[in-house]
Amino acid sequence: MKILVLHAHTANRGDEAAVKAMVDEILEAKPNANITICINGNTFYPNMPEQVKQIGRMPKLHSKMALLEFYLFYLTGTKFAISKECKEFRTELLEADLVLHAPGGPSIGDIYSKVEKLYLYRLNLARQLKIPYMFYAPSMGPFNSGKNDDLRKKVISGADKVVVRDPISKQYLNQYLPNVQVEQHLDSALQHDVEIQKYDDIYNSYAALKEFIRIHPKCLGITVTDLAWHPTHGKTKLQTLIPEVFQKFVDEKIAEGYGIVYIPQLYGANDDTTLMNQFMRQKHTFMVEANKPEYDAYFQQYVIGKLYAVVGMRYHSNIFSAKMGTPFVSVSYEQKMKGFMEKIGLDEYCIPIDELTLECLEDTFNKMCNNYPAYKEKLKEKHLQMKKDSHRTTEDALAILEKKHVKKNKKQSKNCIEPSRNVP
């Protein structure tokens, strides 16, 4: 059994968490499965199981020559391949029993339409080659621009299964392609528990972080981005507003006695630490190291489980909080966060990015604190159901593989010539 995972974004602890949980749950059900991850980025995921292979992005670079080779590769149905990356991708694709579009942000849809075609081309190759493929609980949409419409519709309609992770994405798809069956399950990262004993040991060896949390009775986790990279929100007043709001908010919380733990989820070429370094204060702030392999996505979840609360702009820092039972306030800049909060009945603690002000953030945080025991209890009550709902996407993927296996066996039996019997 061979699975190829496409569009797995790296140097990002959030996408890493979703992909790792998916991989761990598939391997728990099918220990002999071979999984290849074609990454979208410049680094590989750390600490992956030995039967998981990682290969570089295809095309490797967005240079004119690399893109030209990819387009020829696509137009010839994988026959044209010169580079090592292209040949390796072809081998993995042609050997795959199932192709998965990785759990992640809305890369299919209007928000990232400038780069969307590359995602669609890769998936369309699977469609044209009649290789089963599935959308494994990403966010998707909206679909209002008319860009890439023909290819989008072919690719989405041709999938063996379309699963999204939030109800707003499902609504977008239902309006866009009403005849396509779309299911909505929760984010992939929720389905696989953190190995507490393993991360106890890592935490205990991270002396500076452990001591910081020990001496601060209440630690508040923070993730923040100014959205300068975002196709819609970049180059707007938000690049000034967000730092101003968070700077004042953090200073207030420090004055109230909180310890501030910054949890950078992006590292590498694009990182969260550059912005969050602006908010560092002597003694009362701590930055979790972003790029050490041992401080991976599961470790971040473990750390969040030790905090009093989280204020998160990064989507997966809030998913981690929900998973670990830590109350949180979210700031939503795409439908993925708003949809999740609506789904679990906590949307009163979600601030739309266009409503972000210091007063709004303070009021929402204070509401969370005033309802803290009830909030924490609600997360505890929802834990098992969130885990089961997340795991349903893995069940869907395994069902496709089982169906293919049955079909393959029937075909082999049909082609098998029964030997003649000489009856005396």
Protein backbone atom coordinates (compact mmCIF):
# COMPACT_ATOMS: atom_id res chain seq x y z
CA MET A 1 0.00 0.00 0.00
CA LYS A 2 1.53 3.28 -1.11
CA ILE A 3 0.25 6.79 -0.36
CA LEU A 4 1.54 10.01 -1.89
CA VAL A 5 0.86 13.22 0.04
CA LEU A 6 0.92 16.46 -1.96
CA HIS A 7 1.06 20.10 -0.84
CA ALA A 8 2.44 19.54 2.66
CA HIS A 9 3.75 22.95 3.70
CA THR A 10 6.94 22.85 5.74
CA ALA A 11 8.84 25.14 8.13
CA ASN A 12 5.44 25.51 9.78
CA ARG A 13 4.60 23.72 13.03
CA GLY A 14 0.88 24.01 12.28
CA ASP A 15 0.87 22.20 8.93
CA GLU A 16 3.42 19.81 10.41
CA ALA A 17 1.01 18.92 13.22
CA ALA A 18 -1.83 18.17 10.80
CA VAL A 19 0.36 16.04 8.50
CA LYS A 20 2.06 14.17 11.34
CA ALA A 21 -1.23 13.29 13.00
CA MET A 22 -2.56 12.04 9.65
CA VAL A 23 0.56 9.93 9.09
CA ASP A 24 0.58 8.55 12.64
CA GLU A 25 -3.06 7.50 12.46
CA ILE A 26 -2.71 5.88 9.02
CA LEU A 27 0.32 3.91 10.22
CA GLU A 28 -1.50 2.89 13.38
CA ALA A 29 -4.18 1.32 11.21
CA LYS A 30 -1.83 0.10 8.45
CA PRO A 31 1.67 -0.39 9.91
CA ASN A 32 3.06 -1.69 6.60
CA ALA A 33 1.90 1.26 4.54
CA ASN A 34 4.53 3.29 2.69
CA ILE A 35 3.93 7.04 2.67
CA THR A 36 5.75 9.59 0.53
CA ILE A 37 5.37 13.30 1.30
CA CYS A 38 6.07 15.76 -1.49
CA ILE A 39 6.81 18.90 0.48
CA ASN A 40 5.93 22.46 -0.35
CA GLY A 41 8.89 24.28 1.13
CA ASN A 42 12.62 24.11 1.64
CA THR A 43 12.83 21.80 4.66
CA PHE A 44 11.58 18.34 5.61
CA TYR A 45 9.45 17.47 8.63
CA PRO A 46 11.53 16.31 11.63
CA ASN A 47 11.05 13.06 13.53
CA MET A 48 9.02 11.18 10.93
CA PRO A 49 8.56 7.38 11.07
CA GLU A 50 11.05 5.32 9.07
CA GLN A 51 8.49 4.15 6.48
CA VAL A 52 7.77 7.77 5.56
CA LYS A 53 9.79 9.15 2.67
CA GLN A 54 10.04 12.88 1.98
CA ILE A 55 10.84 14.31 -1.41
CA GLY A 56 11.44 17.88 -2.57
CA ARG A 57 8.93 20.26 -4.05
CA MET A 58 7.95 19.73 -7.67
CA PRO A 59 8.89 22.00 -9.39
CA LYS A 60 11.86 22.52 -7.10
CA LEU A 61 12.01 26.27 -7.73
CA HIS A 62 9.71 28.82 -9.23
CA SER A 63 12.36 29.69 -11.82
CA LYS A 64 11.41 29.93 -15.49
CA MET A 65 13.30 26.74 -16.40
CA ALA A 66 11.85 24.70 -13.52
CA LEU A 67 8.32 25.88 -14.31
CA LEU A 68 8.82 25.14 -18.03
CA GLU A 69 9.89 21.58 -17.24
CA PHE A 70 6.90 21.14 -14.95
CA TYR A 71 4.46 22.39 -17.58
CA LEU A 72 5.94 20.02 -20.19
CA PHE A 73 5.81 17.21 -17.62
CA TYR A 74 2.16 18.04 -17.04
CA LEU A 75 1.22 18.42 -20.71
CA THR A 76 2.85 15.09 -21.65
CA GLY A 77 1.18 13.19 -18.81
CA THR A 78 4.53 12.75 -16.92
CA LYS A 79 6.49 11.53 -20.01
CA PHE A 80 8.75 14.60 -20.16
CA ALA A 81 11.09 14.52 -17.16
CA ILE A 82 14.71 15.69 -17.09
CA SER A 83 15.52 16.81 -13.56
CA LYS A 84 16.01 14.46 -10.62
CA GLU A 85 13.03 16.04 -8.84
CA CYS A 86 10.77 15.51 -11.82
CA LYS A 87 11.75 11.87 -12.28
CA GLU A 88 11.39 11.17 -8.57
CA PHE A 89 7.96 12.77 -8.47
CA ARG A 90 6.88 10.72 -11.49
CA THR A 91 7.96 7.47 -9.86
CA GLU A 92 6.12 8.26 -6.63
CA LEU A 93 2.97 9.38 -8.45
CA LEU A 94 2.77 6.35 -10.75
CA GLU A 95 3.31 3.92 -7.89
CA ALA A 96 0.72 5.53 -5.60
CA ASP A 97 -2.44 3.68 -4.60
CA LEU A 98 -3.85 6.94 -3.24
CA VAL A 99 -2.91 10.60 -3.53
CA LEU A 100 -3.82 12.94 -0.67
CA HIS A 101 -4.04 16.71 -0.85
CA ALA A 102 -2.56 17.47 2.56
CA PRO A 103 -4.50 19.06 5.41
CA GLY A 104 -3.74 22.76 5.31
CA GLY A 105 -4.98 26.23 4.43
CA PRO A 106 -7.23 27.31 1.54
CA SER A 107 -4.68 26.82 -1.26
CA ILE A 108 -7.56 25.83 -3.55
CA GLY A 109 -9.70 28.94 -3.98
CA ASP A 110 -9.55 32.67 -4.61
CA ILE A 111 -7.27 33.66 -1.72
CA TYR A 112 -4.16 32.04 -3.22
CA SER A 113 -5.33 31.96 -6.85
CA LYS A 114 -1.97 33.26 -8.13
CA VAL A 115 -0.26 29.98 -7.19
CA GLU A 116 -3.32 27.74 -7.18
CA LYS A 117 -2.74 26.38 -10.69
CA LEU A 118 0.35 24.44 -9.62
CA TYR A 119 -1.73 22.70 -6.93
CA LEU A 120 -4.47 21.94 -9.43
CA TYR A 121 -2.03 20.64 -12.08
CA ARG A 122 -0.51 18.13 -9.67
CA LEU A 123 -3.92 16.84 -8.63
CA ASN A 124 -5.15 16.81 -12.22
CA LEU A 125 -2.29 14.51 -13.17
CA ALA A 126 -3.68 11.99 -10.70
CA ARG A 127 -7.14 12.47 -12.20
CA GLN A 128 -5.91 11.98 -15.77
CA LEU A 129 -3.88 8.91 -14.80
CA LYS A 130 -6.91 7.46 -12.96
CA ILE A 131 -5.05 7.36 -9.62
CA PRO A 132 -7.49 7.75 -6.69
CA TYR A 133 -7.08 11.07 -4.92
CA MET A 134 -8.71 12.79 -1.99
CA PHE A 135 -8.85 16.18 -0.30
CA TYR A 136 -7.73 15.32 3.24
CA ALA A 137 -9.51 18.01 5.32
CA PRO A 138 -7.96 21.29 4.12
CA SER A 139 -9.80 24.59 4.09
CA MET A 140 -11.00 25.63 0.61
CA GLY A 141 -12.57 28.61 -1.16
CA PRO A 142 -14.06 31.08 -1.63
CA PHE A 143 -14.74 30.63 -5.36
CA ASN A 144 -16.08 33.97 -6.58
CA SER A 145 -13.36 35.28 -8.90
CA GLY A 146 -13.92 32.97 -11.84
CA LYS A 147 -10.16 32.28 -12.01
CA ASN A 148 -9.06 28.72 -12.79
CA ASP A 149 -12.73 27.68 -12.80
CA ASP A 150 -12.64 24.94 -15.44
CA LEU A 151 -9.63 23.20 -13.96
CA ARG A 152 -10.84 23.67 -10.38
CA LYS A 153 -14.19 22.07 -11.15
CA LYS A 154 -12.60 19.11 -12.92
CA VAL A 155 -10.17 18.47 -10.08
CA ILE A 156 -12.65 18.85 -7.24
CA SER A 157 -15.37 16.86 -9.02
CA GLY A 158 -12.93 14.09 -9.93
CA ALA A 159 -11.78 13.41 -6.38
CA ASP A 160 -12.76 10.13 -4.75
CA LYS A 161 -13.52 12.06 -1.58
CA VAL A 162 -13.75 15.73 -0.71
CA VAL A 163 -13.36 16.48 2.99
CA VAL A 164 -12.84 19.96 4.43
CA ARG A 165 -12.04 20.94 7.99
CA ASP A 166 -14.42 23.84 8.60
CA PRO A 167 -18.12 24.51 7.89
CA ILE A 168 -17.45 27.74 5.98
CA SER A 169 -15.30 25.88 3.43
CA LYS A 170 -18.07 23.30 3.10
CA GLN A 171 -20.56 26.09 2.46
CA TYR A 172 -18.30 27.58 -0.23
CA LEU A 173 -18.03 24.21 -1.97
CA ASN A 174 -21.74 23.43 -1.71
CA GLN A 175 -22.51 26.71 -3.46
CA TYR A 176 -19.76 26.29 -6.05
CA LEU A 177 -20.35 22.63 -6.91
CA PRO A 178 -23.77 21.61 -5.54
CA ASN A 179 -23.59 18.15 -7.13
CA VAL A 180 -20.34 17.21 -5.38
CA GLN A 181 -20.65 15.44 -2.04
CA VAL A 182 -18.58 17.31 0.53
CA GLU A 183 -17.96 16.17 4.10
CA GLN A 184 -16.69 18.28 6.95
CA HIS A 185 -14.54 16.83 9.72
CA LEU A 186 -12.36 18.63 12.23
CA ASP A 187 -8.69 19.51 11.73
CA SER A 188 -6.33 16.56 11.29
CA ALA A 189 -4.06 17.60 14.19
CA LEU A 190 -6.80 16.77 16.72
CA GLN A 191 -6.87 13.02 16.04
CA HIS A 192 -3.56 11.87 17.50
CA ASP A 193 -2.63 12.28 21.16
CA VAL A 194 0.66 13.73 22.32
CA GLU A 195 3.07 11.16 23.83
CA ILE A 196 3.25 12.82 27.24
CA GLN A 197 6.14 10.77 28.66
CA LYS A 198 8.32 11.46 25.61
CA TYR A 199 7.69 15.20 25.78
CA ASP A 200 8.01 15.29 29.58
CA ASP A 201 11.63 14.29 29.04
CA ILE A 202 12.21 16.95 26.36
CA TYR A 203 10.52 19.60 28.52
CA ASN A 204 12.58 18.66 31.56
CA SER A 205 15.76 19.09 29.53
CA TYR A 206 14.59 22.53 28.32
CA ALA A 207 15.64 24.10 31.61
CA ALA A 208 15.06 27.77 30.69
CA LEU A 209 11.47 27.23 29.57
CA LYS A 210 10.66 24.97 32.50
CA GLU A 211 12.00 27.54 34.97
CA PHE A 212 10.14 30.41 33.28
CA ILE A 213 6.82 28.57 33.57
CA ARG A 214 7.60 27.57 37.16
CA ILE A 215 8.17 31.13 38.40
CA HIS A 216 5.12 32.61 36.65
CA PRO A 217 1.86 31.37 38.21
CA LYS A 218 -0.03 32.29 35.04
CA CYS A 219 1.61 31.96 31.64
CA LEU A 220 -0.09 33.30 28.53
CA GLY A 221 0.87 31.86 25.14
CA ILE A 222 0.99 34.26 22.19
CA THR A 223 1.13 33.70 18.44
CA VAL A 224 1.01 36.74 16.18
CA THR A 225 1.65 37.67 12.56
CA ASP A 226 1.30 41.07 10.91
CA LEU A 227 -0.08 39.36 7.76
CA ALA A 228 2.40 41.20 5.52
CA TRP A 229 2.71 37.94 3.54
CA HIS A 230 -1.03 37.49 3.04
CA PRO A 231 -2.50 37.96 -0.49
CA THR A 232 -5.57 39.80 0.84
CA HIS A 233 -4.44 41.43 4.08
CA GLY A 234 -0.84 42.27 3.09
CA LYS A 235 0.09 45.90 2.46
CA THR A 236 -2.82 47.26 4.47
CA LYS A 237 -3.13 49.21 7.72
CA LEU A 238 -3.03 45.86 9.54
CA GLN A 239 0.77 45.82 9.32
CA THR A 240 0.76 48.81 11.68
CA LEU A 241 -2.37 47.99 13.67
CA ILE A 242 -1.54 44.41 14.67
CA PRO A 243 1.86 45.18 16.27
CA GLU A 244 0.40 48.20 18.08
CA VAL A 245 -2.50 46.22 19.53
CA PHE A 246 -0.39 43.24 20.60
CA GLN A 247 2.39 45.42 22.03
CA LYS A 248 -0.04 47.25 24.32
CA PHE A 249 -1.90 44.07 25.21
CA VAL A 250 1.28 42.20 26.13
CA ASP A 251 2.56 45.10 28.25
CA GLU A 252 -0.75 45.19 30.12
CA LYS A 253 -0.64 41.45 30.81
CA ILE A 254 2.94 41.69 32.08
CA ALA A 255 1.88 44.51 34.44
CA GLU A 256 -0.89 42.21 35.70
CA GLY A 257 1.67 39.52 36.55
CA TYR A 258 1.43 37.19 33.55
CA GLY A 259 4.43 35.47 32.05
CA ILE A 260 4.32 35.67 28.25
CA VAL A 261 5.38 32.62 26.21
CA TYR A 262 5.78 33.30 22.49
CA ILE A 263 5.21 30.22 20.33
CA PRO A 264 6.52 30.81 16.80
CA GLN A 265 4.94 28.41 14.31
CA LEU A 266 6.70 29.55 11.15
CA TYR A 267 10.48 29.32 10.94
CA GLY A 268 13.08 29.32 8.18
CA ALA A 269 12.97 31.97 5.43
CA ASN A 270 9.59 33.25 6.63
CA ASP A 271 9.35 33.20 10.40
CA ASP A 272 7.26 34.46 13.29
CA THR A 273 10.17 35.27 15.59
CA THR A 274 11.20 38.49 13.81
CA LEU A 275 7.90 40.16 14.60
CA MET A 276 7.51 38.65 18.07
CA ASN A 277 11.00 39.79 19.06
CA GLN A 278 9.56 43.32 19.05
CA PHE A 279 7.39 42.36 22.01
CA MET A 280 10.08 40.71 24.12
CA ARG A 281 10.59 42.15 27.59
CA GLN A 282 13.31 41.29 30.05
CA LYS A 283 12.34 38.70 32.69
CA HIS A 284 8.66 38.34 31.85
CA THR A 285 8.72 37.03 28.27
CA PHE A 286 10.06 33.82 26.77
CA MET A 287 10.42 32.73 23.13
CA VAL A 288 10.17 28.99 22.48
CA GLU A 289 12.94 27.99 20.08
CA ALA A 290 11.39 27.63 16.66
CA ASN A 291 13.61 25.47 14.52
CA LYS A 292 15.09 22.74 16.71
CA PRO A 293 13.83 19.29 15.62
CA GLU A 294 13.07 18.19 19.20
CA TYR A 295 10.79 21.19 19.70
CA ASP A 296 8.44 19.95 17.01
CA ALA A 297 4.67 20.31 16.56
CA TYR A 298 3.88 17.79 19.29
CA PHE A 299 6.19 19.61 21.68
CA GLN A 300 4.37 22.88 21.05
CA GLN A 301 1.11 21.13 21.88
CA TYR A 302 2.64 19.78 25.08
CA VAL A 303 3.84 23.27 26.09
CA ILE A 304 0.45 24.84 25.38
CA GLY A 305 -1.05 22.23 27.69
CA LYS A 306 1.00 23.78 30.53
CA LEU A 307 -0.17 27.36 29.97
CA TYR A 308 -3.03 29.27 31.59
CA ALA A 309 -4.38 30.50 28.25
CA VAL A 310 -3.45 31.38 24.65
CA VAL A 311 -4.14 34.38 22.44
CA GLY A 312 -3.59 33.10 18.93
CA MET A 313 -3.49 34.59 15.48
CA ARG A 314 -1.95 31.43 14.09
CA TYR A 315 -4.74 28.95 13.40
CA HIS A 316 -2.99 25.86 14.71
CA SER A 317 -1.95 27.45 18.00
CA ASN A 318 -5.69 27.58 18.71
CA ILE A 319 -6.22 24.01 17.48
CA PHE A 320 -3.41 22.96 19.86
CA SER A 321 -5.14 24.83 22.70
CA ALA A 322 -8.50 23.16 22.03
CA LYS A 323 -6.77 19.78 21.85
CA MET A 324 -4.86 20.27 25.12
CA GLY A 325 -7.77 21.82 27.03
CA THR A 326 -6.23 25.28 27.35
CA PRO A 327 -8.71 28.21 27.02
CA PHE A 328 -7.89 30.58 24.17
CA VAL A 329 -8.89 33.72 22.30
CA SER A 330 -8.50 33.50 18.53
CA VAL A 331 -8.04 36.20 15.90
CA SER A 332 -9.47 35.07 12.55
CA TYR A 333 -8.01 36.25 9.23
CA GLU A 334 -9.36 33.36 7.10
CA GLN A 335 -12.45 31.16 7.30
CA LYS A 336 -10.51 28.26 8.81
CA MET A 337 -10.44 29.83 12.30
CA LYS A 338 -13.92 31.32 12.31
CA GLY A 339 -15.38 28.06 11.00
CA PHE A 340 -13.66 25.96 13.68
CA MET A 341 -14.84 28.24 16.48
CA GLU A 342 -18.40 28.12 15.17
CA LYS A 343 -18.25 24.33 14.89
CA ILE A 344 -17.23 23.81 18.53
CA GLY A 345 -19.50 26.56 19.87
CA LEU A 346 -16.81 29.02 20.97
CA ASP A 347 -17.25 31.76 18.36
CA GLU A 348 -17.81 34.39 21.08
CA TYR A 349 -14.06 34.08 21.75
CA CYS A 350 -13.12 34.64 18.10
CA ILE A 351 -12.22 38.14 16.86
CA PRO A 352 -12.51 38.80 13.10
CA ILE A 353 -9.37 40.53 11.88
CA ASP A 354 -11.31 43.58 10.67
CA GLU A 355 -12.68 44.07 14.20
CA LEU A 356 -9.32 43.83 15.97
CA THR A 357 -8.71 46.68 18.41
CA LEU A 358 -7.04 46.77 21.80
CA GLU A 359 -10.41 47.25 23.48
CA CYS A 360 -11.95 44.30 21.64
CA LEU A 361 -8.99 42.05 22.49
CA GLU A 362 -9.10 43.08 26.17
CA ASP A 363 -12.87 42.56 26.40
CA THR A 364 -12.71 39.11 24.79
CA PHE A 365 -9.77 38.06 26.95
CA ASN A 366 -11.54 39.26 30.11
CA LYS A 367 -14.68 37.37 29.10
CA MET A 368 -12.58 34.23 28.75
CA CYS A 369 -11.03 34.78 32.20
CA ASN A 370 -14.44 35.41 33.79
CA ASN A 371 -15.77 32.16 32.29
CA TYR A 372 -12.50 30.26 32.71
CA PRO A 373 -13.72 27.17 34.64
CA ALA A 374 -16.69 26.68 32.30
CA TYR A 375 -14.51 27.21 29.21
CA LYS A 376 -11.97 24.68 30.43
CA GLU A 377 -14.70 22.17 31.27
CA LYS A 378 -16.24 22.60 27.82
CA LEU A 379 -12.93 21.79 26.14
CA LYS A 380 -12.56 18.73 28.36
CA GLU A 381 -16.03 17.53 27.45
CA LYS A 382 -15.41 18.04 23.74
CA HIS A 383 -11.97 16.40 23.64
CA LEU A 384 -13.01 12.86 22.71
CA GLN A 385 -15.61 13.98 20.19
CA MET A 386 -13.13 16.36 18.50
CA LYS A 387 -10.63 13.51 18.27
CA LYS A 388 -13.20 11.14 16.76
CA ASP A 389 -14.45 13.74 14.31
CA SER A 390 -10.90 14.46 13.17
CA HIS A 391 -10.16 10.75 12.76
CA ARG A 392 -13.08 10.28 10.39
CA THR A 393 -10.94 11.71 7.56
CA THR A 394 -8.40 8.92 8.10
CA GLU A 395 -11.25 6.41 7.99
CA ASP A 396 -12.34 7.89 4.66
CA ALA A 397 -8.83 7.53 3.23
CA LEU A 398 -8.54 3.93 4.41
CA ALA A 399 -11.95 3.14 2.90
CA ILE A 400 -10.73 4.33 -0.53
CA LEU A 401 -7.65 2.10 -0.22
CA GLU A 402 -9.76 -0.89 0.84
CA LYS A 403 -12.12 -0.35 -2.09
CA LYS A 404 -9.17 -0.25 -4.49
CA HIS A 405 -7.70 -3.39 -2.92
CA VAL A 406 -10.99 -5.30 -3.33
CA LYS A 407 -11.34 -4.13 -6.94
CA LYS A 408 -7.76 -5.14 -7.70
CA ASN A 409 -8.30 -8.64 -6.25
CA LYS A 410 -11.49 -9.10 -8.26
CA LYS A 411 -9.69 -8.09 -11.44
CA GLN A 412 -6.86 -10.53 -10.74
CA SER A 413 -9.34 -13.34 -10.05
CA LYS A 414 -11.20 -12.60 -13.27
CA ASN A 415 -8.00 -12.67 -15.32
CA CYS A 416 -6.87 -15.90 -13.72
CA ILE A 417 -7.42 -18.95 -16.00
CA GLU A 418 -8.62 -21.95 -14.07
CA PRO A 419 -6.57 -25.05 -14.92
CA SER A 420 -8.43 -27.83 -16.69
CA ARG A 421 -9.45 -30.84 -14.67
CA ASN A 422 -9.16 -34.32 -16.12
CA VAL A 423 -11.91 -36.31 -14.51
CA PRO A 424 -11.36 -40.02 -14.91
